[in-house]
Amino acid sequence: METDLDAELATIRARKLAELRGDVQPRNAPPATPVVLTDDSFWDFVRKAPVALVDFWAAWCGPCRMIAPSVEAIARDYADRVVVGKMNVDENPRIPGGFGIRSIPTLLLFREGKRVDAIIGAVSRDALVRFVQRWL
């Protein structure tokens, strides 16, 4: 006869095995995909992370679509050290305007809530990796 404790332990065991296999993310793990940001959520996101990379983009922007896979790779490969966000400048004009963003894609890097670096334009995945690694 299985008790409630046995059932709970079986659930925990199954979840941990799935985490080890990479089927699911561990609880409280940073997201392995970019977080969609808005004007309202931006500062909370940036201030909570030791290192945050934010991609300012638009759906109509060809270079933005070109670097999107690289941004997603950074989110996945550096999930334990960097949180990555994406902000659509057409839907959220306040924050990009506050930073004076006039060209997209623009990627801003923040450490402890403060902007420390930027990349403007489409860059290679290697250049983006070097950019992020400088601040780790």
N, C-alpha and C. Protein backbone atom coordinates (compact mmCIF):
# COMPACT_ATOMS: atom_id res chain seq x y z
N MET A 1 0.84 -1.18 0.00
CA MET A 1 0.00 0.00 0.00
C MET A 1 0.88 1.25 0.00
N GLU A 2 0.65 2.14 -0.97
CA GLU A 2 1.47 3.34 -1.13
C GLU A 2 0.89 4.47 -0.29
N THR A 3 1.73 5.10 0.49
CA THR A 3 1.29 6.22 1.31
C THR A 3 1.46 7.52 0.54
N ASP A 4 0.95 8.60 1.12
CA ASP A 4 1.10 9.93 0.51
C ASP A 4 2.58 10.30 0.39
N LEU A 5 3.35 9.94 1.39
CA LEU A 5 4.78 10.23 1.36
C LEU A 5 5.47 9.47 0.23
N ASP A 6 5.12 8.21 0.04
CA ASP A 6 5.69 7.42 -1.06
C ASP A 6 5.35 8.04 -2.41
N ALA A 7 4.12 8.49 -2.56
CA ALA A 7 3.68 9.10 -3.82
C ALA A 7 4.44 10.40 -4.06
N GLU A 8 4.62 11.19 -3.01
CA GLU A 8 5.35 12.45 -3.14
C GLU A 8 6.81 12.19 -3.50
N LEU A 9 7.43 11.21 -2.86
CA LEU A 9 8.81 10.86 -3.18
C LEU A 9 8.94 10.37 -4.62
N ALA A 10 7.99 9.61 -5.08
CA ALA A 10 8.01 9.13 -6.47
C ALA A 10 7.91 10.30 -7.44
N THR A 11 7.09 11.29 -7.12
CA THR A 11 6.95 12.48 -7.97
C THR A 11 8.26 13.27 -8.00
N ILE A 12 8.87 13.45 -6.85
CA ILE A 12 10.14 14.17 -6.77
C ILE A 12 11.22 13.43 -7.53
N ARG A 13 11.29 12.12 -7.37
CA ARG A 13 12.26 11.29 -8.08
C ARG A 13 12.10 11.44 -9.60
N ALA A 14 10.86 11.36 -10.05
CA ALA A 14 10.58 11.47 -11.49
C ALA A 14 10.99 12.84 -12.02
N ARG A 15 10.67 13.90 -11.26
CA ARG A 15 11.05 15.25 -11.68
C ARG A 15 12.57 15.41 -11.75
N LYS A 16 13.27 14.93 -10.74
CA LYS A 16 14.73 15.03 -10.72
C LYS A 16 15.37 14.26 -11.87
N LEU A 17 14.85 13.08 -12.16
CA LEU A 17 15.36 12.31 -13.30
C LEU A 17 15.14 13.07 -14.61
N ALA A 18 13.99 13.68 -14.75
CA ALA A 18 13.70 14.47 -15.95
C ALA A 18 14.65 15.66 -16.05
N GLU A 19 14.95 16.31 -14.92
CA GLU A 19 15.91 17.42 -14.92
C GLU A 19 17.29 16.94 -15.34
N LEU A 20 17.72 15.82 -14.81
CA LEU A 20 19.04 15.28 -15.15
C LEU A 20 19.13 14.90 -16.62
N ARG A 21 18.05 14.40 -17.18
CA ARG A 21 18.03 14.06 -18.61
C ARG A 21 17.93 15.30 -19.48
N GLY A 22 17.58 16.45 -18.87
CA GLY A 22 17.42 17.67 -19.63
C GLY A 22 16.03 17.84 -20.21
N ASP A 23 15.07 17.02 -19.78
CA ASP A 23 13.71 17.11 -20.29
C ASP A 23 12.97 18.33 -19.76
N VAL A 24 13.29 18.76 -18.55
CA VAL A 24 12.67 19.93 -17.94
C VAL A 24 13.73 20.73 -17.23
N GLN A 25 13.42 22.00 -16.97
CA GLN A 25 14.35 22.85 -16.23
C GLN A 25 14.17 22.64 -14.73
N PRO A 26 15.25 22.74 -13.97
CA PRO A 26 15.11 22.66 -12.52
C PRO A 26 14.27 23.81 -11.99
N ARG A 27 13.62 23.58 -10.85
CA ARG A 27 12.86 24.66 -10.23
C ARG A 27 13.80 25.82 -9.91
N ASN A 28 13.27 27.02 -10.04
CA ASN A 28 14.01 28.25 -9.76
C ASN A 28 15.19 28.47 -10.70
N ALA A 29 15.27 27.71 -11.76
CA ALA A 29 16.34 27.91 -12.74
C ALA A 29 16.01 29.12 -13.60
N PRO A 30 17.05 29.86 -14.03
CA PRO A 30 16.78 30.96 -14.93
C PRO A 30 16.22 30.43 -16.24
N PRO A 31 15.45 31.24 -16.94
CA PRO A 31 14.86 30.76 -18.20
C PRO A 31 15.93 30.48 -19.24
N ALA A 32 15.74 29.40 -19.99
CA ALA A 32 16.69 29.05 -21.05
C ALA A 32 16.26 29.60 -22.39
N THR A 33 15.23 30.41 -22.39
CA THR A 33 14.79 31.12 -23.59
C THR A 33 14.62 32.59 -23.20
N PRO A 34 14.71 33.49 -24.17
CA PRO A 34 14.53 34.91 -23.84
C PRO A 34 13.15 35.19 -23.26
N VAL A 35 13.11 36.09 -22.31
CA VAL A 35 11.88 36.51 -21.67
C VAL A 35 11.33 37.70 -22.46
N VAL A 36 10.05 37.68 -22.76
CA VAL A 36 9.41 38.80 -23.45
C VAL A 36 9.20 39.92 -22.44
N LEU A 37 9.76 41.08 -22.74
CA LEU A 37 9.69 42.22 -21.83
C LEU A 37 8.74 43.28 -22.35
N THR A 38 8.19 44.05 -21.42
CA THR A 38 7.34 45.19 -21.75
C THR A 38 7.91 46.41 -21.04
N ASP A 39 7.36 47.58 -21.37
CA ASP A 39 7.77 48.80 -20.67
C ASP A 39 7.57 48.64 -19.16
N ASP A 40 6.53 47.91 -18.77
CA ASP A 40 6.23 47.76 -17.34
C ASP A 40 7.10 46.72 -16.64
N SER A 41 7.54 45.70 -17.35
CA SER A 41 8.31 44.62 -16.70
C SER A 41 9.82 44.80 -16.81
N PHE A 42 10.26 45.73 -17.61
CA PHE A 42 11.68 45.87 -17.93
C PHE A 42 12.56 46.04 -16.70
N TRP A 43 12.28 47.04 -15.87
CA TRP A 43 13.20 47.34 -14.77
C TRP A 43 13.24 46.23 -13.72
N ASP A 44 12.13 45.59 -13.45
CA ASP A 44 12.15 44.46 -12.51
C ASP A 44 13.05 43.36 -13.04
N PHE A 45 12.94 43.07 -14.33
CA PHE A 45 13.75 42.03 -14.96
C PHE A 45 15.24 42.36 -14.85
N VAL A 46 15.61 43.58 -15.21
CA VAL A 46 17.02 43.98 -15.24
C VAL A 46 17.62 44.04 -13.83
N ARG A 47 16.85 44.51 -12.87
CA ARG A 47 17.38 44.68 -11.51
C ARG A 47 17.54 43.36 -10.76
N LYS A 48 16.76 42.35 -11.13
CA LYS A 48 16.83 41.06 -10.42
C LYS A 48 18.00 40.20 -10.84
N ALA A 49 18.57 40.47 -12.01
CA ALA A 49 19.62 39.60 -12.54
C ALA A 49 21.00 40.21 -12.33
N PRO A 50 21.97 39.39 -11.94
CA PRO A 50 23.33 39.90 -11.86
C PRO A 50 23.82 40.39 -13.23
N VAL A 51 23.50 39.63 -14.29
CA VAL A 51 23.83 40.02 -15.66
C VAL A 51 22.60 39.79 -16.52
N ALA A 52 22.19 40.84 -17.24
CA ALA A 52 21.01 40.73 -18.12
C ALA A 52 21.37 41.29 -19.50
N LEU A 53 20.97 40.55 -20.52
CA LEU A 53 21.14 40.98 -21.91
C LEU A 53 19.74 41.23 -22.46
N VAL A 54 19.51 42.43 -23.00
CA VAL A 54 18.19 42.75 -23.55
C VAL A 54 18.33 43.09 -25.03
N ASP A 55 17.55 42.39 -25.84
CA ASP A 55 17.52 42.57 -27.29
C ASP A 55 16.32 43.45 -27.64
N PHE A 56 16.58 44.65 -28.18
CA PHE A 56 15.53 45.54 -28.64
C PHE A 56 15.35 45.28 -30.13
N TRP A 57 14.14 44.92 -30.54
CA TRP A 57 13.89 44.43 -31.89
C TRP A 57 12.51 44.85 -32.37
N ALA A 58 12.20 44.53 -33.63
CA ALA A 58 10.86 44.71 -34.20
C ALA A 58 10.61 43.58 -35.19
N ALA A 59 9.35 43.24 -35.36
CA ALA A 59 8.98 42.12 -36.22
C ALA A 59 9.36 42.36 -37.68
N TRP A 60 9.34 43.59 -38.13
CA TRP A 60 9.62 43.93 -39.53
C TRP A 60 11.12 44.04 -39.83
N CYS A 61 11.95 43.93 -38.81
CA CYS A 61 13.40 44.18 -38.93
C CYS A 61 14.14 42.90 -39.35
N GLY A 62 14.66 42.90 -40.58
CA GLY A 62 15.41 41.74 -41.08
C GLY A 62 16.63 41.41 -40.25
N PRO A 63 17.51 42.39 -39.93
CA PRO A 63 18.67 42.08 -39.09
C PRO A 63 18.28 41.54 -37.71
N CYS A 64 17.15 42.00 -37.18
CA CYS A 64 16.67 41.48 -35.89
C CYS A 64 16.37 40.00 -35.99
N ARG A 65 15.74 39.61 -37.10
CA ARG A 65 15.42 38.19 -37.30
C ARG A 65 16.70 37.38 -37.53
N MET A 66 17.71 38.01 -38.14
CA MET A 66 18.97 37.31 -38.39
C MET A 66 19.70 36.95 -37.10
N ILE A 67 19.68 37.86 -36.11
CA ILE A 67 20.43 37.57 -34.87
C ILE A 67 19.60 36.84 -33.83
N ALA A 68 18.30 36.70 -34.06
CA ALA A 68 17.43 36.05 -33.07
C ALA A 68 17.94 34.67 -32.66
N PRO A 69 18.39 33.80 -33.60
CA PRO A 69 18.91 32.50 -33.15
C PRO A 69 20.14 32.62 -32.25
N SER A 70 20.97 33.61 -32.48
CA SER A 70 22.16 33.81 -31.63
C SER A 70 21.75 34.27 -30.24
N VAL A 71 20.76 35.14 -30.17
CA VAL A 71 20.26 35.61 -28.87
C VAL A 71 19.65 34.44 -28.11
N GLU A 72 18.90 33.61 -28.80
CA GLU A 72 18.32 32.42 -28.16
C GLU A 72 19.40 31.45 -27.69
N ALA A 73 20.49 31.33 -28.47
CA ALA A 73 21.60 30.45 -28.07
C ALA A 73 22.27 30.98 -26.81
N ILE A 74 22.43 32.29 -26.70
CA ILE A 74 23.01 32.88 -25.49
C ILE A 74 22.11 32.56 -24.30
N ALA A 75 20.81 32.72 -24.48
CA ALA A 75 19.86 32.42 -23.39
C ALA A 75 20.00 30.97 -22.94
N ARG A 76 20.16 30.07 -23.88
CA ARG A 76 20.25 28.64 -23.57
C ARG A 76 21.63 28.29 -22.99
N ASP A 77 22.70 28.74 -23.65
CA ASP A 77 24.05 28.33 -23.28
C ASP A 77 24.56 29.00 -22.00
N TYR A 78 24.02 30.17 -21.68
CA TYR A 78 24.48 30.91 -20.50
C TYR A 78 23.37 31.06 -19.46
N ALA A 79 22.39 30.18 -19.50
CA ALA A 79 21.21 30.29 -18.62
C ALA A 79 21.56 30.37 -17.15
N ASP A 80 22.67 29.78 -16.77
CA ASP A 80 23.05 29.80 -15.36
C ASP A 80 23.75 31.10 -14.95
N ARG A 81 24.13 31.94 -15.94
CA ARG A 81 24.88 33.16 -15.61
C ARG A 81 24.28 34.45 -16.16
N VAL A 82 23.45 34.35 -17.20
CA VAL A 82 22.90 35.53 -17.87
C VAL A 82 21.42 35.31 -18.12
N VAL A 83 20.60 36.30 -17.82
CA VAL A 83 19.21 36.24 -18.23
C VAL A 83 19.06 37.10 -19.48
N VAL A 84 18.25 36.62 -20.41
CA VAL A 84 18.10 37.29 -21.69
C VAL A 84 16.64 37.69 -21.86
N GLY A 85 16.45 38.93 -22.28
CA GLY A 85 15.12 39.44 -22.55
C GLY A 85 15.03 40.02 -23.93
N LYS A 86 13.83 40.06 -24.47
CA LYS A 86 13.57 40.66 -25.78
C LYS A 86 12.45 41.68 -25.62
N MET A 87 12.67 42.87 -26.18
CA MET A 87 11.65 43.90 -26.11
C MET A 87 11.33 44.40 -27.51
N ASN A 88 10.06 44.26 -27.89
CA ASN A 88 9.58 44.75 -29.18
C ASN A 88 9.41 46.27 -29.06
N VAL A 89 10.21 47.02 -29.85
CA VAL A 89 10.21 48.48 -29.73
C VAL A 89 8.93 49.10 -30.26
N ASP A 90 8.22 48.44 -31.17
CA ASP A 90 6.97 48.97 -31.68
C ASP A 90 5.86 48.88 -30.63
N GLU A 91 5.87 47.83 -29.84
CA GLU A 91 4.84 47.63 -28.82
C GLU A 91 5.18 48.31 -27.50
N ASN A 92 6.46 48.63 -27.30
CA ASN A 92 6.93 49.21 -26.04
C ASN A 92 7.90 50.35 -26.33
N PRO A 93 7.40 51.54 -26.63
CA PRO A 93 8.29 52.63 -27.02
C PRO A 93 8.96 53.38 -25.86
N ARG A 94 8.42 53.28 -24.65
CA ARG A 94 8.91 54.10 -23.54
C ARG A 94 10.36 53.77 -23.15
N ILE A 95 10.65 52.51 -22.89
CA ILE A 95 12.00 52.12 -22.45
C ILE A 95 13.03 52.36 -23.55
N PRO A 96 12.80 51.89 -24.79
CA PRO A 96 13.79 52.15 -25.84
C PRO A 96 14.02 53.65 -26.05
N GLY A 97 12.95 54.44 -25.97
CA GLY A 97 13.09 55.90 -26.10
C GLY A 97 13.93 56.48 -24.99
N GLY A 98 13.77 55.96 -23.79
CA GLY A 98 14.55 56.42 -22.65
C GLY A 98 16.04 56.15 -22.80
N PHE A 99 16.38 55.08 -23.51
CA PHE A 99 17.79 54.77 -23.78
C PHE A 99 18.29 55.41 -25.06
N GLY A 100 17.42 56.12 -25.77
CA GLY A 100 17.82 56.76 -27.01
C GLY A 100 18.07 55.79 -28.15
N ILE A 101 17.39 54.66 -28.12
CA ILE A 101 17.59 53.64 -29.17
C ILE A 101 16.93 54.12 -30.45
N ARG A 102 17.73 54.28 -31.49
CA ARG A 102 17.25 54.74 -32.79
C ARG A 102 17.46 53.70 -33.88
N SER A 103 18.31 52.70 -33.62
CA SER A 103 18.60 51.64 -34.59
C SER A 103 18.38 50.30 -33.91
N ILE A 104 17.83 49.39 -34.69
CA ILE A 104 17.65 48.03 -34.18
C ILE A 104 18.24 47.05 -35.18
N PRO A 105 18.70 45.91 -34.73
CA PRO A 105 18.69 45.48 -33.34
C PRO A 105 19.72 46.22 -32.51
N THR A 106 19.36 46.50 -31.28
CA THR A 106 20.27 47.01 -30.27
C THR A 106 20.21 46.06 -29.10
N LEU A 107 21.37 45.63 -28.63
CA LEU A 107 21.44 44.76 -27.46
C LEU A 107 22.16 45.51 -26.36
N LEU A 108 21.49 45.63 -25.22
CA LEU A 108 22.09 46.28 -24.06
C LEU A 108 22.41 45.24 -23.01
N LEU A 109 23.56 45.41 -22.36
CA LEU A 109 23.96 44.50 -21.30
C LEU A 109 23.96 45.26 -19.98
N PHE A 110 23.36 44.65 -18.97
CA PHE A 110 23.24 45.25 -17.65
C PHE A 110 23.92 44.37 -16.62
N ARG A 111 24.61 45.00 -15.68
CA ARG A 111 25.16 44.30 -14.50
C ARG A 111 24.60 44.98 -13.28
N GLU A 112 23.96 44.19 -12.45
CA GLU A 112 23.38 44.68 -11.20
C GLU A 112 22.49 45.90 -11.45
N GLY A 113 21.70 45.83 -12.53
CA GLY A 113 20.72 46.87 -12.84
C GLY A 113 21.24 48.09 -13.57
N LYS A 114 22.53 48.13 -13.86
CA LYS A 114 23.11 49.27 -14.55
C LYS A 114 23.60 48.89 -15.94
N ARG A 115 23.29 49.73 -16.91
CA ARG A 115 23.75 49.49 -18.28
C ARG A 115 25.26 49.63 -18.34
N VAL A 116 25.92 48.59 -18.88
CA VAL A 116 27.38 48.61 -18.95
C VAL A 116 27.93 48.51 -20.36
N ASP A 117 27.10 48.05 -21.31
CA ASP A 117 27.63 47.88 -22.67
C ASP A 117 26.47 47.78 -23.66
N ALA A 118 26.80 47.94 -24.94
CA ALA A 118 25.78 47.87 -25.99
C ALA A 118 26.39 47.38 -27.29
N ILE A 119 25.56 46.73 -28.09
CA ILE A 119 25.89 46.36 -29.47
C ILE A 119 24.73 46.86 -30.32
N ILE A 120 25.07 47.52 -31.41
CA ILE A 120 24.04 48.00 -32.34
C ILE A 120 24.27 47.31 -33.68
N GLY A 121 23.21 46.71 -34.20
CA GLY A 121 23.28 46.03 -35.49
C GLY A 121 23.44 44.53 -35.33
N ALA A 122 23.27 43.86 -36.46
CA ALA A 122 23.40 42.40 -36.47
C ALA A 122 24.87 42.03 -36.40
N VAL A 123 25.20 41.17 -35.47
CA VAL A 123 26.58 40.70 -35.32
C VAL A 123 26.57 39.18 -35.36
N SER A 124 27.73 38.61 -35.54
CA SER A 124 27.84 37.14 -35.57
C SER A 124 27.61 36.57 -34.17
N ARG A 125 27.33 35.29 -34.13
CA ARG A 125 27.17 34.60 -32.85
C ARG A 125 28.46 34.68 -32.04
N ASP A 126 29.60 34.52 -32.70
CA ASP A 126 30.88 34.61 -31.99
C ASP A 126 31.08 35.98 -31.36
N ALA A 127 30.73 37.03 -32.09
CA ALA A 127 30.86 38.39 -31.55
C ALA A 127 29.93 38.58 -30.35
N LEU A 128 28.74 38.03 -30.43
CA LEU A 128 27.80 38.15 -29.33
C LEU A 128 28.29 37.37 -28.10
N VAL A 129 28.86 36.21 -28.32
CA VAL A 129 29.43 35.43 -27.21
C VAL A 129 30.57 36.21 -26.55
N ARG A 130 31.46 36.77 -27.34
CA ARG A 130 32.57 37.57 -26.78
C ARG A 130 32.05 38.76 -25.99
N PHE A 131 31.01 39.41 -26.52
CA PHE A 131 30.39 40.55 -25.87
C PHE A 131 29.88 40.17 -24.48
N VAL A 132 29.17 39.05 -24.39
CA VAL A 132 28.62 38.60 -23.10
C VAL A 132 29.73 38.14 -22.17
N GLN A 133 30.69 37.38 -22.68
CA GLN A 133 31.75 36.84 -21.83
C GLN A 133 32.61 37.93 -21.19
N ARG A 134 32.70 39.08 -21.83
CA ARG A 134 33.47 40.20 -21.25
C ARG A 134 32.94 40.60 -19.90
N TRP A 135 31.65 40.38 -19.66
CA TRP A 135 31.02 40.85 -18.44
C TRP A 135 30.71 39.76 -17.43
N LEU A 136 31.16 38.56 -17.69
CA LEU A 136 30.91 37.46 -16.73
C LEU A 136 32.05 37.35 -15.75
